[in-house]
Amino acid sequence: AKKIIAPLFTDAAITLIQNSLIEPEVSLWHELGDGWCVPKDQWKEEVPTYIPQFKCGFTPQPDQYHHTLFDLPPNTTPRVDSGLRSNASRTRLAQLAEIQSHEEFLNHLRSRGAKIARVKRDFLAESEQEISLKAGEYVEVVDNSLNWNRLRNRKGGDGYAPYTILD
């Protein structure tokens, strides 16, 4: 455990851990080493990019890896939606707002010739770039060129989710 340094925790994560542990857990946590106790903004050495490996077998390929799913690359700032949308985008969102049921959304997607998928199990988004989904709902597959698909739901929500949750 002392050799593990990636991913480093944020200062907020370390504070949460410290406030959640009691002795002897605090001592044990400190024995794990600096990689567990020093925030990443205070880390002096270069840290390799963290690419997670999931139990289901999913691992983002380094050439397909999106920093925005887990961390921002250096010299970038988070994307902020200015609220300015094109007329076509506003029209599409207005159409989606009128759709009430999953069946109506499915018919709407079919009429447009969109690529459709059904969600097999619930997925809870853990970042701004991801989309939360419920089992049984239909989504439009906007981009499936990566292991994480860009999807759009009937409410107009748009984001990434792993391909493994789709039929």
N, C-alpha and C. Protein backbone atom coordinates (compact mmCIF):
# COMPACT_ATOMS: atom_id res chain seq x y z
N ALA A 1 0.82 -1.19 0.00
CA ALA A 1 0.00 0.00 0.00
C ALA A 1 0.86 1.26 0.00
N LYS A 2 2.06 1.20 0.58
CA LYS A 2 2.92 2.38 0.63
C LYS A 2 3.42 2.79 -0.74
N LYS A 3 3.43 1.87 -1.70
CA LYS A 3 3.91 2.17 -3.04
C LYS A 3 2.85 2.84 -3.91
N ILE A 4 1.59 2.79 -3.49
CA ILE A 4 0.49 3.35 -4.28
C ILE A 4 0.47 4.86 -4.11
N ILE A 5 0.56 5.58 -5.25
CA ILE A 5 0.49 7.04 -5.19
C ILE A 5 -0.54 7.61 -6.17
N ALA A 6 -1.12 6.80 -7.00
CA ALA A 6 -2.09 7.31 -7.97
C ALA A 6 -3.39 6.54 -7.82
N PRO A 7 -4.52 7.20 -7.76
CA PRO A 7 -4.65 8.66 -7.79
C PRO A 7 -4.46 9.25 -6.40
N LEU A 8 -3.91 10.42 -6.34
CA LEU A 8 -3.76 11.11 -5.07
C LEU A 8 -5.10 11.73 -4.68
N PHE A 9 -5.34 11.81 -3.39
CA PHE A 9 -6.57 12.39 -2.90
C PHE A 9 -6.50 13.92 -2.93
N THR A 10 -7.67 14.54 -3.03
CA THR A 10 -7.75 15.99 -2.90
C THR A 10 -7.69 16.33 -1.42
N ASP A 11 -7.46 17.61 -1.12
CA ASP A 11 -7.44 18.06 0.26
C ASP A 11 -8.79 17.79 0.93
N ALA A 12 -9.88 18.01 0.19
CA ALA A 12 -11.22 17.77 0.75
C ALA A 12 -11.43 16.29 1.08
N ALA A 13 -10.92 15.40 0.23
CA ALA A 13 -11.07 13.96 0.48
C ALA A 13 -10.28 13.55 1.73
N ILE A 14 -9.08 14.09 1.88
CA ILE A 14 -8.27 13.75 3.06
C ILE A 14 -8.94 14.27 4.32
N THR A 15 -9.50 15.46 4.26
CA THR A 15 -10.23 16.01 5.42
C THR A 15 -11.41 15.12 5.78
N LEU A 16 -12.15 14.67 4.77
CA LEU A 16 -13.28 13.77 5.01
C LEU A 16 -12.82 12.48 5.68
N ILE A 17 -11.74 11.91 5.18
CA ILE A 17 -11.22 10.67 5.77
C ILE A 17 -10.80 10.90 7.22
N GLN A 18 -10.04 11.98 7.44
CA GLN A 18 -9.58 12.28 8.80
C GLN A 18 -10.75 12.46 9.76
N ASN A 19 -11.81 13.09 9.29
CA ASN A 19 -12.98 13.34 10.16
C ASN A 19 -13.85 12.10 10.34
N SER A 20 -13.61 11.07 9.53
CA SER A 20 -14.43 9.86 9.59
C SER A 20 -13.77 8.73 10.39
N LEU A 21 -12.49 8.85 10.66
CA LEU A 21 -11.77 7.78 11.34
C LEU A 21 -11.58 8.08 12.82
N ILE A 22 -11.43 7.01 13.60
CA ILE A 22 -11.08 7.13 15.01
C ILE A 22 -9.85 6.28 15.24
N GLU A 23 -9.18 6.48 16.36
CA GLU A 23 -8.05 5.61 16.71
C GLU A 23 -8.59 4.20 16.95
N PRO A 24 -7.94 3.17 16.54
CA PRO A 24 -6.62 3.07 15.93
C PRO A 24 -6.62 3.22 14.40
N GLU A 25 -7.79 3.52 13.80
CA GLU A 25 -7.88 3.63 12.35
C GLU A 25 -7.00 4.76 11.80
N VAL A 26 -6.91 5.88 12.54
CA VAL A 26 -6.10 7.02 12.10
C VAL A 26 -4.64 6.60 11.97
N SER A 27 -4.13 5.89 12.97
CA SER A 27 -2.74 5.43 12.94
C SER A 27 -2.49 4.48 11.77
N LEU A 28 -3.42 3.58 11.55
CA LEU A 28 -3.30 2.64 10.44
C LEU A 28 -3.30 3.38 9.11
N TRP A 29 -4.17 4.37 8.99
CA TRP A 29 -4.24 5.16 7.75
C TRP A 29 -2.92 5.88 7.49
N HIS A 30 -2.33 6.47 8.52
CA HIS A 30 -1.04 7.15 8.35
C HIS A 30 0.07 6.18 7.99
N GLU A 31 0.00 4.95 8.48
CA GLU A 31 1.00 3.93 8.16
C GLU A 31 0.96 3.53 6.68
N LEU A 32 -0.15 3.81 5.99
CA LEU A 32 -0.24 3.49 4.56
C LEU A 32 0.74 4.32 3.73
N GLY A 33 1.18 5.46 4.26
CA GLY A 33 2.19 6.25 3.57
C GLY A 33 1.66 7.58 3.06
N ASP A 34 2.58 8.39 2.53
CA ASP A 34 2.25 9.74 2.07
C ASP A 34 1.27 9.74 0.90
N GLY A 35 1.30 8.72 0.06
CA GLY A 35 0.39 8.66 -1.08
C GLY A 35 -1.07 8.65 -0.67
N TRP A 36 -1.33 8.30 0.57
CA TRP A 36 -2.70 8.26 1.09
C TRP A 36 -3.03 9.48 1.94
N CYS A 37 -2.02 10.19 2.42
CA CYS A 37 -2.24 11.25 3.41
C CYS A 37 -1.87 12.65 2.93
N VAL A 38 -1.11 12.78 1.86
CA VAL A 38 -0.70 14.09 1.35
C VAL A 38 -1.58 14.46 0.17
N PRO A 39 -2.22 15.64 0.20
CA PRO A 39 -3.09 16.04 -0.92
C PRO A 39 -2.30 16.19 -2.22
N LYS A 40 -2.98 15.95 -3.35
CA LYS A 40 -2.29 15.97 -4.63
C LYS A 40 -1.72 17.35 -4.96
N ASP A 41 -2.33 18.43 -4.47
CA ASP A 41 -1.77 19.75 -4.76
C ASP A 41 -0.50 20.04 -3.95
N GLN A 42 -0.18 19.20 -2.97
CA GLN A 42 1.05 19.35 -2.19
C GLN A 42 2.09 18.29 -2.55
N TRP A 43 1.78 17.41 -3.48
CA TRP A 43 2.69 16.33 -3.87
C TRP A 43 3.82 16.89 -4.70
N LYS A 44 5.06 16.55 -4.37
CA LYS A 44 6.23 17.14 -5.02
C LYS A 44 6.68 16.41 -6.28
N GLU A 45 6.43 15.11 -6.37
CA GLU A 45 6.91 14.31 -7.50
C GLU A 45 5.84 14.22 -8.59
N GLU A 46 6.26 13.84 -9.81
CA GLU A 46 5.30 13.62 -10.88
C GLU A 46 4.54 12.32 -10.62
N VAL A 47 3.26 12.35 -10.83
CA VAL A 47 2.41 11.19 -10.59
C VAL A 47 1.90 10.68 -11.93
N PRO A 48 2.02 9.37 -12.18
CA PRO A 48 1.50 8.85 -13.45
C PRO A 48 -0.01 9.02 -13.54
N THR A 49 -0.52 9.12 -14.77
CA THR A 49 -1.95 9.24 -14.98
C THR A 49 -2.65 8.00 -14.44
N TYR A 50 -3.68 8.22 -13.66
CA TYR A 50 -4.44 7.12 -13.08
C TYR A 50 -5.48 6.64 -14.09
N ILE A 51 -5.40 5.38 -14.48
CA ILE A 51 -6.39 4.77 -15.34
C ILE A 51 -6.98 3.58 -14.58
N PRO A 52 -8.24 3.71 -14.15
CA PRO A 52 -8.84 2.68 -13.31
C PRO A 52 -9.10 1.38 -14.07
N GLN A 53 -9.16 0.30 -13.33
CA GLN A 53 -9.54 -1.00 -13.87
C GLN A 53 -10.74 -1.48 -13.06
N PHE A 54 -11.84 -1.74 -13.74
CA PHE A 54 -13.08 -2.09 -13.07
C PHE A 54 -13.25 -3.61 -13.02
N LYS A 55 -13.98 -4.09 -12.01
CA LYS A 55 -14.23 -5.52 -11.86
C LYS A 55 -14.93 -6.13 -13.06
N CYS A 56 -15.76 -5.32 -13.73
CA CYS A 56 -16.51 -5.82 -14.88
C CYS A 56 -15.60 -6.02 -16.10
N GLY A 57 -14.33 -5.62 -15.98
CA GLY A 57 -13.39 -5.79 -17.08
C GLY A 57 -13.14 -4.52 -17.87
N PHE A 58 -13.93 -3.47 -17.62
CA PHE A 58 -13.76 -2.22 -18.34
C PHE A 58 -12.50 -1.50 -17.88
N THR A 59 -11.66 -1.12 -18.82
CA THR A 59 -10.49 -0.29 -18.55
C THR A 59 -10.36 0.70 -19.70
N PRO A 60 -10.40 2.01 -19.42
CA PRO A 60 -10.21 2.97 -20.51
C PRO A 60 -8.83 2.76 -21.13
N GLN A 61 -8.77 2.73 -22.45
CA GLN A 61 -7.49 2.60 -23.13
C GLN A 61 -6.77 3.94 -23.06
N PRO A 62 -5.43 3.94 -22.86
CA PRO A 62 -4.71 5.21 -22.74
C PRO A 62 -4.95 6.17 -23.90
N ASP A 63 -5.08 5.66 -25.13
CA ASP A 63 -5.31 6.55 -26.27
C ASP A 63 -6.75 7.04 -26.34
N GLN A 64 -7.65 6.43 -25.58
CA GLN A 64 -9.05 6.84 -25.56
C GLN A 64 -9.41 7.53 -24.24
N TYR A 65 -8.45 7.64 -23.36
CA TYR A 65 -8.70 8.14 -22.02
C TYR A 65 -9.12 9.61 -22.04
N HIS A 66 -10.21 9.90 -21.33
CA HIS A 66 -10.69 11.27 -21.19
C HIS A 66 -10.38 11.74 -19.78
N HIS A 67 -9.48 12.70 -19.66
CA HIS A 67 -9.16 13.22 -18.33
C HIS A 67 -10.40 13.73 -17.62
N THR A 68 -11.35 14.27 -18.38
CA THR A 68 -12.53 14.87 -17.77
C THR A 68 -13.40 13.86 -17.03
N LEU A 69 -13.22 12.58 -17.29
CA LEU A 69 -14.01 11.59 -16.56
C LEU A 69 -13.50 11.44 -15.13
N PHE A 70 -12.22 11.70 -14.90
CA PHE A 70 -11.65 11.47 -13.58
C PHE A 70 -10.89 12.68 -13.03
N ASP A 71 -10.24 13.46 -13.90
CA ASP A 71 -9.43 14.57 -13.46
C ASP A 71 -9.18 15.48 -14.64
N LEU A 72 -8.94 16.75 -14.39
CA LEU A 72 -8.63 17.67 -15.48
C LEU A 72 -7.13 17.65 -15.77
N PRO A 73 -6.73 17.63 -17.05
CA PRO A 73 -5.31 17.70 -17.36
C PRO A 73 -4.76 19.07 -16.96
N PRO A 74 -3.43 19.19 -16.83
CA PRO A 74 -2.84 20.47 -16.43
C PRO A 74 -3.22 21.58 -17.40
N ASN A 75 -3.26 22.81 -16.88
CA ASN A 75 -3.50 24.02 -17.67
C ASN A 75 -4.88 24.04 -18.33
N THR A 76 -5.87 23.44 -17.69
CA THR A 76 -7.23 23.52 -18.22
C THR A 76 -8.14 24.01 -17.12
N THR A 77 -9.28 24.51 -17.52
CA THR A 77 -10.28 24.94 -16.56
C THR A 77 -11.56 24.20 -16.86
N PRO A 78 -12.39 23.99 -15.88
CA PRO A 78 -13.65 23.28 -16.12
C PRO A 78 -14.49 24.01 -17.16
N ARG A 79 -15.22 23.21 -17.96
CA ARG A 79 -16.10 23.76 -18.98
C ARG A 79 -17.33 24.33 -18.29
N VAL A 80 -17.68 25.55 -18.65
CA VAL A 80 -18.87 26.18 -18.10
C VAL A 80 -19.81 26.47 -19.25
N ASP A 81 -21.05 26.00 -19.13
CA ASP A 81 -22.04 26.26 -20.16
C ASP A 81 -22.52 27.68 -20.00
N SER A 82 -22.29 28.49 -21.03
CA SER A 82 -22.65 29.90 -20.96
C SER A 82 -24.15 30.12 -21.09
N GLY A 83 -24.89 29.07 -21.41
CA GLY A 83 -26.32 29.21 -21.58
C GLY A 83 -26.71 29.63 -22.99
N LEU A 84 -25.74 29.88 -23.84
CA LEU A 84 -26.02 30.25 -25.22
C LEU A 84 -26.15 29.00 -26.05
N ARG A 85 -27.30 28.81 -26.68
CA ARG A 85 -27.55 27.64 -27.50
C ARG A 85 -27.98 28.08 -28.88
N SER A 86 -27.70 27.24 -29.86
CA SER A 86 -28.14 27.52 -31.22
C SER A 86 -29.66 27.37 -31.31
N ASN A 87 -30.25 27.92 -32.36
CA ASN A 87 -31.70 27.78 -32.56
C ASN A 87 -32.09 26.32 -32.69
N ALA A 88 -31.28 25.53 -33.42
CA ALA A 88 -31.57 24.10 -33.60
C ALA A 88 -31.55 23.38 -32.26
N SER A 89 -30.58 23.72 -31.43
CA SER A 89 -30.46 23.09 -30.12
C SER A 89 -31.66 23.45 -29.24
N ARG A 90 -32.08 24.73 -29.28
CA ARG A 90 -33.25 25.15 -28.49
C ARG A 90 -34.51 24.45 -28.98
N THR A 91 -34.63 24.29 -30.30
CA THR A 91 -35.80 23.62 -30.87
C THR A 91 -35.85 22.16 -30.42
N ARG A 92 -34.70 21.46 -30.48
CA ARG A 92 -34.63 20.05 -30.08
C ARG A 92 -34.99 19.91 -28.60
N LEU A 93 -34.47 20.80 -27.74
CA LEU A 93 -34.78 20.72 -26.32
C LEU A 93 -36.27 21.00 -26.06
N ALA A 94 -36.85 21.92 -26.82
CA ALA A 94 -38.28 22.19 -26.69
C ALA A 94 -39.10 20.97 -27.08
N GLN A 95 -38.69 20.28 -28.16
CA GLN A 95 -39.39 19.06 -28.58
C GLN A 95 -39.30 18.00 -27.50
N LEU A 96 -38.10 17.82 -26.92
CA LEU A 96 -37.92 16.81 -25.87
C LEU A 96 -38.75 17.15 -24.63
N ALA A 97 -38.92 18.43 -24.34
CA ALA A 97 -39.69 18.84 -23.17
C ALA A 97 -41.15 18.42 -23.29
N GLU A 98 -41.66 18.32 -24.53
CA GLU A 98 -43.05 17.94 -24.76
C GLU A 98 -43.26 16.43 -24.62
N ILE A 99 -42.21 15.65 -24.69
CA ILE A 99 -42.31 14.19 -24.63
C ILE A 99 -42.50 13.77 -23.17
N GLN A 100 -43.57 13.06 -22.90
CA GLN A 100 -43.91 12.70 -21.53
C GLN A 100 -43.49 11.28 -21.14
N SER A 101 -43.60 10.32 -22.06
CA SER A 101 -43.36 8.92 -21.69
C SER A 101 -42.13 8.35 -22.41
N HIS A 102 -41.67 7.21 -21.89
CA HIS A 102 -40.56 6.50 -22.53
C HIS A 102 -40.96 6.08 -23.94
N GLU A 103 -42.21 5.67 -24.10
CA GLU A 103 -42.70 5.20 -25.40
C GLU A 103 -42.71 6.33 -26.42
N GLU A 104 -43.15 7.52 -26.00
CA GLU A 104 -43.13 8.69 -26.89
C GLU A 104 -41.70 9.02 -27.31
N PHE A 105 -40.78 8.94 -26.36
CA PHE A 105 -39.38 9.23 -26.66
C PHE A 105 -38.82 8.22 -27.65
N LEU A 106 -39.14 6.95 -27.43
CA LEU A 106 -38.70 5.89 -28.33
C LEU A 106 -39.22 6.14 -29.74
N ASN A 107 -40.48 6.47 -29.87
CA ASN A 107 -41.07 6.77 -31.19
C ASN A 107 -40.41 8.00 -31.82
N HIS A 108 -40.14 9.00 -31.01
CA HIS A 108 -39.46 10.21 -31.50
C HIS A 108 -38.07 9.86 -32.06
N LEU A 109 -37.33 9.05 -31.32
CA LEU A 109 -35.98 8.65 -31.78
C LEU A 109 -36.07 7.84 -33.07
N ARG A 110 -37.01 6.92 -33.14
CA ARG A 110 -37.18 6.10 -34.35
C ARG A 110 -37.51 6.98 -35.56
N SER A 111 -38.38 7.98 -35.35
CA SER A 111 -38.76 8.86 -36.47
C SER A 111 -37.57 9.67 -36.98
N ARG A 112 -36.61 9.92 -36.13
CA ARG A 112 -35.41 10.66 -36.52
C ARG A 112 -34.32 9.74 -37.06
N GLY A 113 -34.50 8.43 -36.93
CA GLY A 113 -33.47 7.49 -37.36
C GLY A 113 -32.27 7.48 -36.43
N ALA A 114 -32.50 7.83 -35.18
CA ALA A 114 -31.41 7.90 -34.20
C ALA A 114 -31.00 6.51 -33.74
N LYS A 115 -29.78 6.37 -33.27
CA LYS A 115 -29.32 5.11 -32.67
C LYS A 115 -29.87 5.06 -31.25
N ILE A 116 -30.54 3.94 -30.93
CA ILE A 116 -31.27 3.80 -29.67
C ILE A 116 -30.68 2.66 -28.85
N ALA A 117 -30.68 2.85 -27.52
CA ALA A 117 -30.27 1.77 -26.62
C ALA A 117 -31.22 1.79 -25.41
N ARG A 118 -31.36 0.62 -24.80
CA ARG A 118 -32.17 0.48 -23.58
C ARG A 118 -31.21 0.29 -22.41
N VAL A 119 -31.45 0.95 -21.31
CA VAL A 119 -30.59 0.88 -20.13
C VAL A 119 -30.91 -0.40 -19.35
N LYS A 120 -29.89 -1.24 -19.11
CA LYS A 120 -30.06 -2.52 -18.40
C LYS A 120 -30.16 -2.35 -16.90
N ARG A 121 -29.36 -1.42 -16.35
CA ARG A 121 -29.37 -1.23 -14.89
C ARG A 121 -29.11 0.24 -14.57
N ASP A 122 -29.51 0.63 -13.39
CA ASP A 122 -29.33 2.03 -12.96
C ASP A 122 -27.86 2.41 -13.01
N PHE A 123 -27.62 3.67 -13.33
CA PHE A 123 -26.26 4.23 -13.32
C PHE A 123 -26.34 5.61 -12.71
N LEU A 124 -25.54 5.88 -11.68
CA LEU A 124 -25.52 7.16 -11.01
C LEU A 124 -24.29 7.95 -11.45
N ALA A 125 -24.50 9.10 -12.04
CA ALA A 125 -23.40 9.96 -12.49
C ALA A 125 -22.58 10.41 -11.30
N GLU A 126 -21.25 10.42 -11.48
CA GLU A 126 -20.35 10.86 -10.41
C GLU A 126 -19.58 12.11 -10.80
N SER A 127 -19.86 12.66 -11.99
CA SER A 127 -19.21 13.91 -12.41
C SER A 127 -20.15 14.64 -13.36
N GLU A 128 -19.82 15.89 -13.67
CA GLU A 128 -20.64 16.70 -14.58
C GLU A 128 -20.74 16.08 -15.97
N GLN A 129 -19.72 15.34 -16.38
CA GLN A 129 -19.67 14.79 -17.73
C GLN A 129 -20.50 13.52 -17.88
N GLU A 130 -20.91 12.92 -16.77
CA GLU A 130 -21.67 11.68 -16.81
C GLU A 130 -23.16 11.97 -16.73
N ILE A 131 -23.96 10.97 -17.08
CA ILE A 131 -25.42 11.10 -17.04
C ILE A 131 -26.00 9.98 -16.18
N SER A 132 -26.90 10.32 -15.28
CA SER A 132 -27.58 9.32 -14.45
C SER A 132 -28.71 8.70 -15.27
N LEU A 133 -28.85 7.38 -15.16
CA LEU A 133 -29.84 6.66 -15.94
C LEU A 133 -30.57 5.65 -15.06
N LYS A 134 -31.80 5.33 -15.45
CA LYS A 134 -32.61 4.33 -14.75
C LYS A 134 -32.80 3.11 -15.64
N ALA A 135 -32.77 1.94 -15.04
CA ALA A 135 -33.00 0.70 -15.78
C ALA A 135 -34.34 0.77 -16.50
N GLY A 136 -34.36 0.33 -17.76
CA GLY A 136 -35.58 0.29 -18.54
C GLY A 136 -35.81 1.49 -19.43
N GLU A 137 -35.13 2.61 -19.16
CA GLU A 137 -35.35 3.77 -20.02
C GLU A 137 -34.58 3.66 -21.33
N TYR A 138 -35.07 4.35 -22.33
CA TYR A 138 -34.41 4.38 -23.64
C TYR A 138 -33.59 5.65 -23.74
N VAL A 139 -32.44 5.54 -24.40
CA VAL A 139 -31.57 6.70 -24.61
C VAL A 139 -31.12 6.74 -26.06
N GLU A 140 -30.80 7.94 -26.50
CA GLU A 140 -30.19 8.11 -27.82
C GLU A 140 -28.68 7.98 -27.64
N VAL A 141 -28.05 7.16 -28.48
CA VAL A 141 -26.60 7.01 -28.45
C VAL A 141 -26.03 8.06 -29.40
N VAL A 142 -25.44 9.10 -28.83
CA VAL A 142 -24.89 10.21 -29.61
C VAL A 142 -23.53 9.82 -30.18
N ASP A 143 -22.72 9.13 -29.36
CA ASP A 143 -21.37 8.71 -29.79
C ASP A 143 -21.01 7.43 -29.05
N ASN A 144 -20.69 6.38 -29.80
CA ASN A 144 -20.29 5.11 -29.16
C ASN A 144 -18.91 4.68 -29.61
N SER A 145 -18.04 5.65 -29.91
CA SER A 145 -16.70 5.32 -30.39
C SER A 145 -15.74 4.96 -29.26
N LEU A 146 -16.16 5.16 -28.01
CA LEU A 146 -15.31 4.86 -26.86
C LEU A 146 -16.02 3.87 -25.94
N ASN A 147 -15.33 3.42 -24.91
CA ASN A 147 -15.95 2.50 -23.96
C ASN A 147 -17.03 3.19 -23.12
N TRP A 148 -16.96 4.49 -23.02
CA TRP A 148 -18.00 5.27 -22.37
C TRP A 148 -18.77 5.95 -23.49
N ASN A 149 -20.06 5.65 -23.61
CA ASN A 149 -20.90 6.22 -24.67
C ASN A 149 -21.46 7.57 -24.25
N ARG A 150 -21.54 8.47 -25.21
CA ARG A 150 -22.23 9.74 -24.97
C ARG A 150 -23.70 9.50 -25.29
N LEU A 151 -24.56 9.78 -24.32
CA LEU A 151 -25.98 9.46 -24.42
C LEU A 151 -26.84 10.69 -24.17
N ARG A 152 -28.09 10.63 -24.65
CA ARG A 152 -29.07 11.69 -24.38
C ARG A 152 -30.36 11.00 -23.95
N ASN A 153 -30.96 11.48 -22.85
CA ASN A 153 -32.20 10.88 -22.37
C ASN A 153 -33.41 11.71 -22.81
N ARG A 154 -34.61 11.27 -22.44
CA ARG A 154 -35.83 11.92 -22.91
C ARG A 154 -36.04 13.31 -22.33
N LYS A 155 -35.32 13.63 -21.26
CA LYS A 155 -35.42 14.96 -20.66
C LYS A 155 -34.40 15.93 -21.25
N GLY A 156 -33.61 15.45 -22.23
CA GLY A 156 -32.60 16.30 -22.85
C GLY A 156 -31.25 16.24 -22.17
N GLY A 157 -31.14 15.46 -21.08
CA GLY A 157 -29.86 15.31 -20.40
C GLY A 157 -28.86 14.62 -21.32
N ASP A 158 -27.63 15.05 -21.26
CA ASP A 158 -26.59 14.58 -22.17
C ASP A 158 -25.34 14.31 -21.36
N GLY A 159 -24.72 13.15 -21.54
CA GLY A 159 -23.50 12.85 -20.81
C GLY A 159 -23.01 11.45 -21.12
N TYR A 160 -21.97 11.04 -20.41
CA TYR A 160 -21.31 9.75 -20.66
C TYR A 160 -21.76 8.70 -19.65
N ALA A 161 -21.81 7.45 -20.12
CA ALA A 161 -22.08 6.30 -19.26
C ALA A 161 -21.38 5.10 -19.90
N PRO A 162 -21.00 4.10 -19.11
CA PRO A 162 -20.30 2.94 -19.67
C PRO A 162 -21.20 2.12 -20.59
N TYR A 163 -20.62 1.59 -21.65
CA TYR A 163 -21.39 0.81 -22.62
C TYR A 163 -21.97 -0.46 -21.98
N THR A 164 -21.39 -0.92 -20.89
CA THR A 164 -21.81 -2.17 -20.25
C THR A 164 -23.19 -2.10 -19.62
N ILE A 165 -23.77 -0.91 -19.47
CA ILE A 165 -25.10 -0.81 -18.87
C ILE A 165 -26.20 -0.76 -19.91
N LEU A 166 -25.83 -0.88 -21.20
CA LEU A 166 -26.82 -0.77 -22.27
C LEU A 166 -27.10 -2.12 -22.92
N ASP A 167 -28.37 -2.32 -23.34
CA ASP A 167 -28.73 -3.51 -24.13
C ASP A 167 -28.31 -3.28 -25.56
